[in-house]
Amino acid sequence: MVDRKPILDWLSHIILIVGVAVIALPIWVAFVGSSHTQDAIIANPMPIWPGGELWANYSHVLFNGGTSGTRAPVLHMLGVSFVIACLIAVGKIVLALISAFALVYFKFRFKQVAFWLIFITLMLPVEVRISPTYKIVSDLGMLNSYAGLTLPLLASATATFLFRQFFMSVPDELVEASRMDGASPMHFFWDVLLPLSKTNIAALFVIMFIYGWNQYLWPLLVSIDESYYPIVIGIKQMISAESQVEWPLVMATAMLALIPPVLVVILMQRWFVRGLVDAEK
């Protein structure tokens, strides 16, 4: 048994408190700023406690257009981001499950070559692929559409690799038992592999949802129409406006943008942790 020294306990708690303070301080500043007027925000020093304009600022950005830099209501941009994040997360998981299933349980020529070609794509930065991908999307007429925003981002070498490694750990006895019962490959996939993979699917869904929610560069290229702006681009447009930046509205929008990913993490926390650390495969 490892002896625990009080000094190490104190040190670890101090480090945790400092880390939480560093993370929470900008969020607190944004929340406080979202509850004041513009004059109060630009004053020196800035208030450190919430003000009385909280409901007015949040209701304005949620339902009214015409904020600095963009005319799209924040509620609409939140909906666009939610659709993009869900489509990307579900699409990545479905494609990764099917491709990993084929790589593990089917025999075909150049199977290892196919796996390594998938794996090598991890080494390619997004900037290398973005110009030819944009050309294809433009030629197919998918600019300003959910298909253009999501389809080029659905392939995931990381998710394919993780599911492949998990499928390889499934006992061969399960495969043989399914064959003896007369189950087809897709029945084995649906009835055996998917239930065993549910914690891995949940963990990857959380990661991929946040990945899709935080997309900025690709939507910036393919979204010319403001009706397809996700919330991240909306915040950037507010900050880069030619007129004076309305900081209370920007901070209110930033706080609203935090809510969906935080809720996903909280609601799926148990599954997310089990999917990452569960050793019972």
C-alpha atoms as a PDB file:
ATOM      1  CA  MET A   1       0.000   0.000   0.000  1.00  0.00           C
ATOM      2  CA  VAL A   2       1.343   3.433  -0.936  1.00  0.00           C
ATOM      3  CA  ASP A   3       1.821   5.822   1.974  1.00  0.00           C
ATOM      4  CA  ARG A   4       0.085   9.158   1.496  1.00  0.00           C
ATOM      5  CA  LYS A   5       1.948  12.133   2.861  1.00  0.00           C
ATOM      6  CA  PRO A   6      -0.077  15.164   4.038  1.00  0.00           C
ATOM      7  CA  ILE A   7       2.223  17.574   2.232  1.00  0.00           C
ATOM      8  CA  LEU A   8       1.524  15.832  -1.084  1.00  0.00           C
ATOM      9  CA  ASP A   9      -2.227  15.976  -0.434  1.00  0.00           C
ATOM     10  CA  TRP A  10      -2.016  19.707   0.217  1.00  0.00           C
ATOM     11  CA  LEU A  11       0.142  20.238  -2.857  1.00  0.00           C
ATOM     12  CA  SER A  12      -2.214  18.290  -5.119  1.00  0.00           C
ATOM     13  CA  HIS A  13      -5.224  20.219  -3.819  1.00  0.00           C
ATOM     14  CA  ILE A  14      -3.467  23.554  -4.336  1.00  0.00           C
ATOM     15  CA  ILE A  15      -2.606  22.590  -7.908  1.00  0.00           C
ATOM     16  CA  LEU A  16      -6.227  21.552  -8.549  1.00  0.00           C
ATOM     17  CA  ILE A  17      -7.580  24.799  -7.096  1.00  0.00           C
ATOM     18  CA  VAL A  18      -5.191  26.876  -9.204  1.00  0.00           C
ATOM     19  CA  GLY A  19      -6.109  24.900 -12.314  1.00  0.00           C
ATOM     20  CA  VAL A  20      -9.837  25.331 -11.710  1.00  0.00           C
ATOM     21  CA  ALA A  21      -9.350  29.065 -11.065  1.00  0.00           C
ATOM     22  CA  VAL A  22      -7.403  29.517 -14.313  1.00  0.00           C
ATOM     23  CA  ILE A  23     -10.175  27.765 -16.265  1.00  0.00           C
ATOM     24  CA  ALA A  24     -13.123  29.325 -14.431  1.00  0.00           C
ATOM     25  CA  LEU A  25     -11.916  32.942 -14.334  1.00  0.00           C
ATOM     26  CA  PRO A  26     -12.468  33.706 -18.053  1.00  0.00           C
ATOM     27  CA  ILE A  27     -15.907  32.076 -17.863  1.00  0.00           C
ATOM     28  CA  TRP A  28     -16.807  34.215 -14.858  1.00  0.00           C
ATOM     29  CA  VAL A  29     -15.594  37.355 -16.643  1.00  0.00           C
ATOM     30  CA  ALA A  30     -17.715  36.479 -19.688  1.00  0.00           C
ATOM     31  CA  PHE A  31     -20.771  35.840 -17.502  1.00  0.00           C
ATOM     32  CA  VAL A  32     -20.326  39.106 -15.630  1.00  0.00           C
ATOM     33  CA  GLY A  33     -19.787  40.999 -18.871  1.00  0.00           C
ATOM     34  CA  SER A  34     -22.950  39.513 -20.356  1.00  0.00           C
ATOM     35  CA  SER A  35     -25.014  41.021 -17.545  1.00  0.00           C
ATOM     36  CA  HIS A  36     -23.892  44.668 -17.894  1.00  0.00           C
ATOM     37  CA  THR A  37     -24.312  47.486 -20.372  1.00  0.00           C
ATOM     38  CA  GLN A  38     -21.702  48.457 -22.940  1.00  0.00           C
ATOM     39  CA  ASP A  39     -20.654  51.512 -20.923  1.00  0.00           C
ATOM     40  CA  ALA A  40     -20.054  49.412 -17.826  1.00  0.00           C
ATOM     41  CA  ILE A  41     -17.933  46.889 -19.773  1.00  0.00           C
ATOM     42  CA  ILE A  42     -15.617  49.461 -21.333  1.00  0.00           C
ATOM     43  CA  ALA A  43     -15.239  51.325 -18.043  1.00  0.00           C
ATOM     44  CA  ASN A  44     -12.003  51.014 -16.102  1.00  0.00           C
ATOM     45  CA  PRO A  45     -12.057  48.904 -14.019  1.00  0.00           C
ATOM     46  CA  MET A  46     -14.574  46.428 -15.399  1.00  0.00           C
ATOM     47  CA  PRO A  47     -17.220  45.185 -12.897  1.00  0.00           C
ATOM     48  CA  ILE A  48     -16.493  41.861 -11.205  1.00  0.00           C
ATOM     49  CA  TRP A  49     -20.077  41.109 -10.118  1.00  0.00           C
ATOM     50  CA  PRO A  50     -23.171  40.473 -12.274  1.00  0.00           C
ATOM     51  CA  GLY A  51     -25.324  43.416 -13.254  1.00  0.00           C
ATOM     52  CA  GLY A  52     -28.973  43.927 -14.051  1.00  0.00           C
ATOM     53  CA  GLU A  53     -28.954  43.554 -17.860  1.00  0.00           C
ATOM     54  CA  LEU A  54     -28.700  39.756 -17.912  1.00  0.00           C
ATOM     55  CA  TRP A  55     -32.158  38.977 -19.291  1.00  0.00           C
ATOM     56  CA  ALA A  56     -32.143  41.898 -21.722  1.00  0.00           C
ATOM     57  CA  ASN A  57     -28.795  40.908 -23.255  1.00  0.00           C
ATOM     58  CA  TYR A  58     -29.561  37.204 -23.527  1.00  0.00           C
ATOM     59  CA  SER A  59     -33.034  37.686 -24.957  1.00  0.00           C
ATOM     60  CA  HIS A  60     -31.649  40.194 -27.468  1.00  0.00           C
ATOM     61  CA  VAL A  61     -28.961  37.894 -28.867  1.00  0.00           C
ATOM     62  CA  LEU A  62     -31.237  34.848 -28.834  1.00  0.00           C
ATOM     63  CA  PHE A  63     -34.182  36.242 -30.747  1.00  0.00           C
ATOM     64  CA  ASN A  64     -33.102  39.447 -32.500  1.00  0.00           C
ATOM     65  CA  GLY A  65     -30.889  39.883 -35.517  1.00  0.00           C
ATOM     66  CA  GLY A  66     -28.941  42.992 -36.266  1.00  0.00           C
ATOM     67  CA  THR A  67     -26.133  42.516 -33.746  1.00  0.00           C
ATOM     68  CA  SER A  68     -22.756  43.874 -34.768  1.00  0.00           C
ATOM     69  CA  GLY A  69     -21.139  41.807 -37.504  1.00  0.00           C
ATOM     70  CA  THR A  70     -24.050  39.453 -38.240  1.00  0.00           C
ATOM     71  CA  ARG A  71     -27.809  39.697 -38.636  1.00  0.00           C
ATOM     72  CA  ALA A  72     -28.554  36.056 -37.767  1.00  0.00           C
ATOM     73  CA  PRO A  73     -30.173  35.452 -34.356  1.00  0.00           C
ATOM     74  CA  VAL A  74     -28.033  33.437 -31.973  1.00  0.00           C
ATOM     75  CA  LEU A  75     -30.829  30.895 -31.466  1.00  0.00           C
ATOM     76  CA  HIS A  76     -30.654  30.054 -35.170  1.00  0.00           C
ATOM     77  CA  MET A  77     -26.853  29.774 -35.092  1.00  0.00           C
ATOM     78  CA  LEU A  78     -27.099  27.469 -32.073  1.00  0.00           C
ATOM     79  CA  GLY A  79     -29.476  25.279 -34.063  1.00  0.00           C
ATOM     80  CA  VAL A  80     -27.076  25.190 -37.017  1.00  0.00           C
ATOM     81  CA  SER A  81     -24.181  24.230 -34.736  1.00  0.00           C
ATOM     82  CA  PHE A  82     -26.272  21.529 -33.061  1.00  0.00           C
ATOM     83  CA  VAL A  83     -27.274  19.977 -36.396  1.00  0.00           C
ATOM     84  CA  ILE A  84     -23.681  20.078 -37.655  1.00  0.00           C
ATOM     85  CA  ALA A  85     -22.292  18.572 -34.445  1.00  0.00           C
ATOM     86  CA  CYS A  86     -24.862  15.759 -34.370  1.00  0.00           C
ATOM     87  CA  LEU A  87     -24.442  14.899 -38.056  1.00  0.00           C
ATOM     88  CA  ILE A  88     -20.651  14.851 -37.757  1.00  0.00           C
ATOM     89  CA  ALA A  89     -20.651  12.793 -34.544  1.00  0.00           C
ATOM     90  CA  VAL A  90     -23.173  10.210 -35.786  1.00  0.00           C
ATOM     91  CA  GLY A  91     -21.657  10.057 -39.267  1.00  0.00           C
ATOM     92  CA  LYS A  92     -18.118   9.546 -37.994  1.00  0.00           C
ATOM     93  CA  ILE A  93     -19.207   6.775 -35.620  1.00  0.00           C
ATOM     94  CA  VAL A  94     -21.290   4.943 -38.234  1.00  0.00           C
ATOM     95  CA  LEU A  95     -18.548   5.047 -40.870  1.00  0.00           C
ATOM     96  CA  ALA A  96     -15.885   4.063 -38.332  1.00  0.00           C
ATOM     97  CA  LEU A  97     -17.950   1.115 -37.064  1.00  0.00           C
ATOM     98  CA  ILE A  98     -18.600  -0.240 -40.553  1.00  0.00           C
ATOM     99  CA  SER A  99     -15.027   0.239 -41.771  1.00  0.00           C
ATOM    100  CA  ALA A 100     -13.525  -1.298 -38.623  1.00  0.00           C
ATOM    101  CA  PHE A 101     -15.947  -4.252 -38.928  1.00  0.00           C
ATOM    102  CA  ALA A 102     -14.816  -4.839 -42.518  1.00  0.00           C
ATOM    103  CA  LEU A 103     -11.118  -4.568 -41.606  1.00  0.00           C
ATOM    104  CA  VAL A 104     -11.374  -7.097 -38.772  1.00  0.00           C
ATOM    105  CA  TYR A 105     -13.942  -9.680 -39.870  1.00  0.00           C
ATOM    106  CA  PHE A 106     -13.684  -9.773 -43.671  1.00  0.00           C
ATOM    107  CA  LYS A 107     -10.864 -11.116 -45.806  1.00  0.00           C
ATOM    108  CA  PHE A 108     -10.067  -9.229 -48.988  1.00  0.00           C
ATOM    109  CA  ARG A 109      -7.003  -8.324 -50.978  1.00  0.00           C
ATOM    110  CA  PHE A 110      -4.871  -5.449 -49.756  1.00  0.00           C
ATOM    111  CA  LYS A 111      -6.703  -5.301 -46.430  1.00  0.00           C
ATOM    112  CA  GLN A 112      -3.564  -4.212 -44.575  1.00  0.00           C
ATOM    113  CA  VAL A 113      -2.818  -1.650 -47.264  1.00  0.00           C
ATOM    114  CA  ALA A 114      -6.321  -0.226 -46.817  1.00  0.00           C
ATOM    115  CA  PHE A 115      -5.829  -0.024 -43.056  1.00  0.00           C
ATOM    116  CA  TRP A 116      -2.496   1.748 -43.341  1.00  0.00           C
ATOM    117  CA  LEU A 117      -3.864   4.171 -45.918  1.00  0.00           C
ATOM    118  CA  ILE A 118      -6.607   5.061 -43.432  1.00  0.00           C
ATOM    119  CA  PHE A 119      -4.100   5.345 -40.606  1.00  0.00           C
ATOM    120  CA  ILE A 120      -1.702   7.532 -42.613  1.00  0.00           C
ATOM    121  CA  THR A 121      -4.406  10.166 -43.025  1.00  0.00           C
ATOM    122  CA  LEU A 122      -3.868  10.987 -39.336  1.00  0.00           C
ATOM    123  CA  MET A 123      -0.542  12.512 -40.348  1.00  0.00           C
ATOM    124  CA  LEU A 124      -2.066  14.865 -42.915  1.00  0.00           C
ATOM    125  CA  PRO A 125      -2.972  18.299 -41.530  1.00  0.00           C
ATOM    126  CA  VAL A 126      -6.340  19.748 -42.423  1.00  0.00           C
ATOM    127  CA  GLU A 127      -4.723  22.545 -44.422  1.00  0.00           C
ATOM    128  CA  VAL A 128      -3.283  20.018 -46.898  1.00  0.00           C
ATOM    129  CA  ARG A 129      -6.710  18.629 -47.770  1.00  0.00           C
ATOM    130  CA  ILE A 130      -8.830  21.731 -47.501  1.00  0.00           C
ATOM    131  CA  SER A 131      -8.248  23.244 -50.961  1.00  0.00           C
ATOM    132  CA  PRO A 132      -9.053  20.117 -53.028  1.00  0.00           C
ATOM    133  CA  THR A 133     -11.970  19.323 -50.701  1.00  0.00           C
ATOM    134  CA  TYR A 134     -13.403  22.808 -51.194  1.00  0.00           C
ATOM    135  CA  LYS A 135     -13.047  22.421 -54.984  1.00  0.00           C
ATOM    136  CA  ILE A 136     -15.008  19.149 -54.906  1.00  0.00           C
ATOM    137  CA  VAL A 137     -17.734  20.574 -52.668  1.00  0.00           C
ATOM    138  CA  SER A 138     -18.022  23.653 -54.887  1.00  0.00           C
ATOM    139  CA  ASP A 139     -18.223  21.593 -58.086  1.00  0.00           C
ATOM    140  CA  LEU A 140     -20.953  19.422 -56.565  1.00  0.00           C
ATOM    141  CA  GLY A 141     -22.996  22.508 -55.646  1.00  0.00           C
ATOM    142  CA  MET A 142     -22.920  21.825 -51.918  1.00  0.00           C
ATOM    143  CA  LEU A 143     -21.874  25.280 -50.756  1.00  0.00           C
ATOM    144  CA  ASN A 144     -24.293  26.781 -48.216  1.00  0.00           C
ATOM    145  CA  SER A 145     -25.776  23.404 -47.322  1.00  0.00           C
ATOM    146  CA  TYR A 146     -25.616  20.982 -44.424  1.00  0.00           C
ATOM    147  CA  ALA A 147     -24.212  18.356 -46.796  1.00  0.00           C
ATOM    148  CA  GLY A 148     -21.284  20.615 -47.646  1.00  0.00           C
ATOM    149  CA  LEU A 149     -20.752  21.464 -43.985  1.00  0.00           C
ATOM    150  CA  THR A 150     -20.683  17.857 -42.786  1.00  0.00           C
ATOM    151  CA  LEU A 151     -19.935  15.279 -45.502  1.00  0.00           C
ATOM    152  CA  PRO A 152     -16.225  16.157 -45.957  1.00  0.00           C
ATOM    153  CA  LEU A 153     -15.710  15.804 -42.180  1.00  0.00           C
ATOM    154  CA  LEU A 154     -17.337  12.399 -41.655  1.00  0.00           C
ATOM    155  CA  ALA A 155     -14.309  10.163 -42.213  1.00  0.00           C
ATOM    156  CA  SER A 156     -12.341   9.560 -39.018  1.00  0.00           C
ATOM    157  CA  ALA A 157      -9.149   7.503 -38.983  1.00  0.00           C
ATOM    158  CA  THR A 158      -8.949   7.827 -35.199  1.00  0.00           C
ATOM    159  CA  ALA A 159     -12.414   6.364 -34.602  1.00  0.00           C
ATOM    160  CA  THR A 160     -11.767   3.601 -37.159  1.00  0.00           C
ATOM    161  CA  PHE A 161      -8.515   2.681 -35.438  1.00  0.00           C
ATOM    162  CA  LEU A 162     -10.126   2.629 -31.972  1.00  0.00           C
ATOM    163  CA  PHE A 163     -13.040   0.441 -33.088  1.00  0.00           C
ATOM    164  CA  ARG A 164     -10.666  -1.864 -34.973  1.00  0.00           C
ATOM    165  CA  GLN A 165      -8.577  -2.376 -31.842  1.00  0.00           C
ATOM    166  CA  PHE A 166     -11.713  -3.077 -29.802  1.00  0.00           C
ATOM    167  CA  PHE A 167     -13.146  -5.541 -32.334  1.00  0.00           C
ATOM    168  CA  MET A 168      -9.828  -7.405 -32.364  1.00  0.00           C
ATOM    169  CA  SER A 169     -10.186  -7.910 -28.594  1.00  0.00           C
ATOM    170  CA  VAL A 170     -13.606  -9.592 -28.950  1.00  0.00           C
ATOM    171  CA  PRO A 171     -13.200 -13.355 -28.267  1.00  0.00           C
ATOM    172  CA  ASP A 172     -13.285 -15.610 -31.315  1.00  0.00           C
ATOM    173  CA  GLU A 173     -15.740 -17.844 -29.456  1.00  0.00           C
ATOM    174  CA  LEU A 174     -18.450 -15.232 -29.982  1.00  0.00           C
ATOM    175  CA  VAL A 175     -17.841 -15.273 -33.729  1.00  0.00           C
ATOM    176  CA  GLU A 176     -17.949 -19.065 -33.842  1.00  0.00           C
ATOM    177  CA  ALA A 177     -21.104 -19.191 -31.723  1.00  0.00           C
ATOM    178  CA  SER A 178     -22.825 -16.733 -34.051  1.00  0.00           C
ATOM    179  CA  ARG A 179     -21.842 -18.801 -37.068  1.00  0.00           C
ATOM    180  CA  MET A 180     -23.194 -21.970 -35.462  1.00  0.00           C
ATOM    181  CA  ASP A 181     -26.479 -20.186 -34.778  1.00  0.00           C
ATOM    182  CA  GLY A 182     -26.694 -19.266 -38.447  1.00  0.00           C
ATOM    183  CA  ALA A 183     -26.306 -15.522 -37.907  1.00  0.00           C
ATOM    184  CA  SER A 184     -25.280 -13.474 -40.917  1.00  0.00           C
ATOM    185  CA  PRO A 185     -22.342 -11.049 -40.634  1.00  0.00           C
ATOM    186  CA  MET A 186     -24.696  -8.088 -40.231  1.00  0.00           C
ATOM    187  CA  HIS A 187     -26.686  -9.911 -37.553  1.00  0.00           C
ATOM    188  CA  PHE A 188     -23.438 -10.536 -35.685  1.00  0.00           C
ATOM    189  CA  PHE A 189     -22.548  -6.877 -36.104  1.00  0.00           C
ATOM    190  CA  TRP A 190     -25.945  -5.638 -34.921  1.00  0.00           C
ATOM    191  CA  ASP A 191     -26.667  -8.141 -32.137  1.00  0.00           C
ATOM    192  CA  VAL A 192     -23.178  -8.736 -30.696  1.00  0.00           C
ATOM    193  CA  LEU A 193     -20.662  -6.057 -31.613  1.00  0.00           C
ATOM    194  CA  LEU A 194     -22.864  -2.983 -31.199  1.00  0.00           C
ATOM    195  CA  PRO A 195     -24.032  -3.858 -27.655  1.00  0.00           C
ATOM    196  CA  LEU A 196     -20.437  -4.560 -26.667  1.00  0.00           C
ATOM    197  CA  SER A 197     -19.319  -1.229 -28.175  1.00  0.00           C
ATOM    198  CA  LYS A 198     -21.896   1.035 -26.531  1.00  0.00           C
ATOM    199  CA  THR A 199     -19.469   2.604 -24.014  1.00  0.00           C
ATOM    200  CA  ASN A 200     -16.905   3.207 -26.759  1.00  0.00           C
ATOM    201  CA  ILE A 201     -19.617   4.726 -28.946  1.00  0.00           C
ATOM    202  CA  ALA A 202     -20.725   7.027 -26.128  1.00  0.00           C
ATOM    203  CA  ALA A 203     -17.168   8.203 -25.431  1.00  0.00           C
ATOM    204  CA  LEU A 204     -16.503   8.871 -29.104  1.00  0.00           C
ATOM    205  CA  PHE A 205     -19.851  10.639 -29.492  1.00  0.00           C
ATOM    206  CA  VAL A 206     -18.890  13.151 -26.808  1.00  0.00           C
ATOM    207  CA  ILE A 207     -15.499  13.786 -28.423  1.00  0.00           C
ATOM    208  CA  MET A 208     -16.884  14.033 -31.957  1.00  0.00           C
ATOM    209  CA  PHE A 209     -19.818  16.223 -30.893  1.00  0.00           C
ATOM    210  CA  ILE A 210     -17.451  18.762 -29.357  1.00  0.00           C
ATOM    211  CA  TYR A 211     -15.228  18.488 -32.457  1.00  0.00           C
ATOM    212  CA  GLY A 212     -18.206  19.273 -34.686  1.00  0.00           C
ATOM    213  CA  TRP A 213     -19.493  22.029 -32.391  1.00  0.00           C
ATOM    214  CA  ASN A 214     -16.143  23.854 -32.454  1.00  0.00           C
ATOM    215  CA  GLN A 215     -15.711  23.745 -36.230  1.00  0.00           C
ATOM    216  CA  TYR A 216     -14.622  27.121 -37.573  1.00  0.00           C
ATOM    217  CA  LEU A 217     -12.313  26.951 -40.603  1.00  0.00           C
ATOM    218  CA  TRP A 218     -14.381  24.641 -42.808  1.00  0.00           C
ATOM    219  CA  PRO A 219     -17.764  26.333 -42.179  1.00  0.00           C
ATOM    220  CA  LEU A 220     -16.067  29.684 -42.779  1.00  0.00           C
ATOM    221  CA  LEU A 221     -15.107  28.517 -46.287  1.00  0.00           C
ATOM    222  CA  VAL A 222     -18.340  26.839 -47.373  1.00  0.00           C
ATOM    223  CA  SER A 223     -20.886  29.104 -45.626  1.00  0.00           C
ATOM    224  CA  ILE A 224     -21.446  32.336 -47.500  1.00  0.00           C
ATOM    225  CA  ASP A 225     -25.075  32.643 -46.437  1.00  0.00           C
ATOM    226  CA  GLU A 226     -25.528  33.763 -42.818  1.00  0.00           C
ATOM    227  CA  SER A 227     -28.349  31.255 -42.367  1.00  0.00           C
ATOM    228  CA  TYR A 228     -25.683  28.531 -42.329  1.00  0.00           C
ATOM    229  CA  TYR A 229     -23.366  30.233 -39.841  1.00  0.00           C
ATOM    230  CA  PRO A 230     -22.573  28.098 -36.774  1.00  0.00           C
ATOM    231  CA  ILE A 231     -22.224  29.810 -33.426  1.00  0.00           C
ATOM    232  CA  VAL A 232     -18.409  29.920 -33.542  1.00  0.00           C
ATOM    233  CA  ILE A 233     -18.438  31.931 -36.755  1.00  0.00           C
ATOM    234  CA  GLY A 234     -21.174  34.146 -35.319  1.00  0.00           C
ATOM    235  CA  ILE A 235     -18.964  35.079 -32.367  1.00  0.00           C
ATOM    236  CA  LYS A 236     -16.048  35.822 -34.683  1.00  0.00           C
ATOM    237  CA  GLN A 237     -18.243  37.998 -36.902  1.00  0.00           C
ATOM    238  CA  MET A 238     -19.417  39.987 -33.888  1.00  0.00           C
ATOM    239  CA  ILE A 239     -15.845  40.656 -32.779  1.00  0.00           C
ATOM    240  CA  SER A 240     -14.571  41.575 -36.241  1.00  0.00           C
ATOM    241  CA  ALA A 241     -17.371  44.040 -36.987  1.00  0.00           C
ATOM    242  CA  GLU A 242     -16.399  47.384 -38.496  1.00  0.00           C
ATOM    243  CA  SER A 243     -18.561  49.236 -35.983  1.00  0.00           C
ATOM    244  CA  GLN A 244     -17.966  49.250 -32.246  1.00  0.00           C
ATOM    245  CA  VAL A 245     -17.986  45.763 -30.772  1.00  0.00           C
ATOM    246  CA  GLU A 246     -20.947  45.223 -28.459  1.00  0.00           C
ATOM    247  CA  TRP A 247     -19.130  43.265 -25.784  1.00  0.00           C
ATOM    248  CA  PRO A 248     -22.133  42.415 -23.575  1.00  0.00           C
ATOM    249  CA  LEU A 249     -23.813  40.737 -26.558  1.00  0.00           C
ATOM    250  CA  VAL A 250     -20.601  38.968 -27.569  1.00  0.00           C
ATOM    251  CA  MET A 251     -20.101  37.608 -24.066  1.00  0.00           C
ATOM    252  CA  ALA A 252     -23.741  36.556 -23.816  1.00  0.00           C
ATOM    253  CA  THR A 253     -23.339  34.671 -27.092  1.00  0.00           C
ATOM    254  CA  ALA A 254     -20.155  33.020 -25.830  1.00  0.00           C
ATOM    255  CA  MET A 255     -21.928  31.862 -22.669  1.00  0.00           C
ATOM    256  CA  LEU A 256     -24.802  30.436 -24.707  1.00  0.00           C
ATOM    257  CA  ALA A 257     -22.309  28.628 -26.945  1.00  0.00           C
ATOM    258  CA  LEU A 258     -20.935  26.825 -23.888  1.00  0.00           C
ATOM    259  CA  ILE A 259     -24.241  25.307 -22.825  1.00  0.00           C
ATOM    260  CA  PRO A 260     -24.832  22.482 -25.391  1.00  0.00           C
ATOM    261  CA  PRO A 261     -21.350  20.861 -25.200  1.00  0.00           C
ATOM    262  CA  VAL A 262     -21.331  21.180 -21.418  1.00  0.00           C
ATOM    263  CA  LEU A 263     -24.734  19.490 -21.239  1.00  0.00           C
ATOM    264  CA  VAL A 264     -23.560  16.678 -23.514  1.00  0.00           C
ATOM    265  CA  VAL A 265     -20.517  16.062 -21.319  1.00  0.00           C
ATOM    266  CA  ILE A 266     -22.567  16.161 -18.097  1.00  0.00           C
ATOM    267  CA  LEU A 267     -25.361  13.920 -19.367  1.00  0.00           C
ATOM    268  CA  MET A 268     -22.960  11.370 -20.865  1.00  0.00           C
ATOM    269  CA  GLN A 269     -20.210  11.640 -18.278  1.00  0.00           C
ATOM    270  CA  ARG A 270     -20.672   8.134 -16.884  1.00  0.00           C
ATOM    271  CA  TRP A 271     -20.625   6.533 -20.320  1.00  0.00           C
ATOM    272  CA  PHE A 272     -17.766   8.750 -21.431  1.00  0.00           C
ATOM    273  CA  VAL A 273     -15.520   7.735 -18.518  1.00  0.00           C
ATOM    274  CA  ARG A 274     -16.386   4.057 -18.884  1.00  0.00           C
ATOM    275  CA  GLY A 275     -15.647   4.173 -22.570  1.00  0.00           C
ATOM    276  CA  LEU A 276     -12.183   5.568 -21.908  1.00  0.00           C
ATOM    277  CA  VAL A 277     -11.104   3.515 -18.883  1.00  0.00           C
ATOM    278  CA  ASP A 278     -13.268   0.391 -18.813  1.00  0.00           C
ATOM    279  CA  ALA A 279     -11.012  -2.634 -19.045  1.00  0.00           C
ATOM    280  CA  GLU A 280     -13.805  -5.207 -19.444  1.00  0.00           C
ATOM    281  CA  LYS A 281     -13.893  -5.586 -23.205  1.00  0.00           C
END
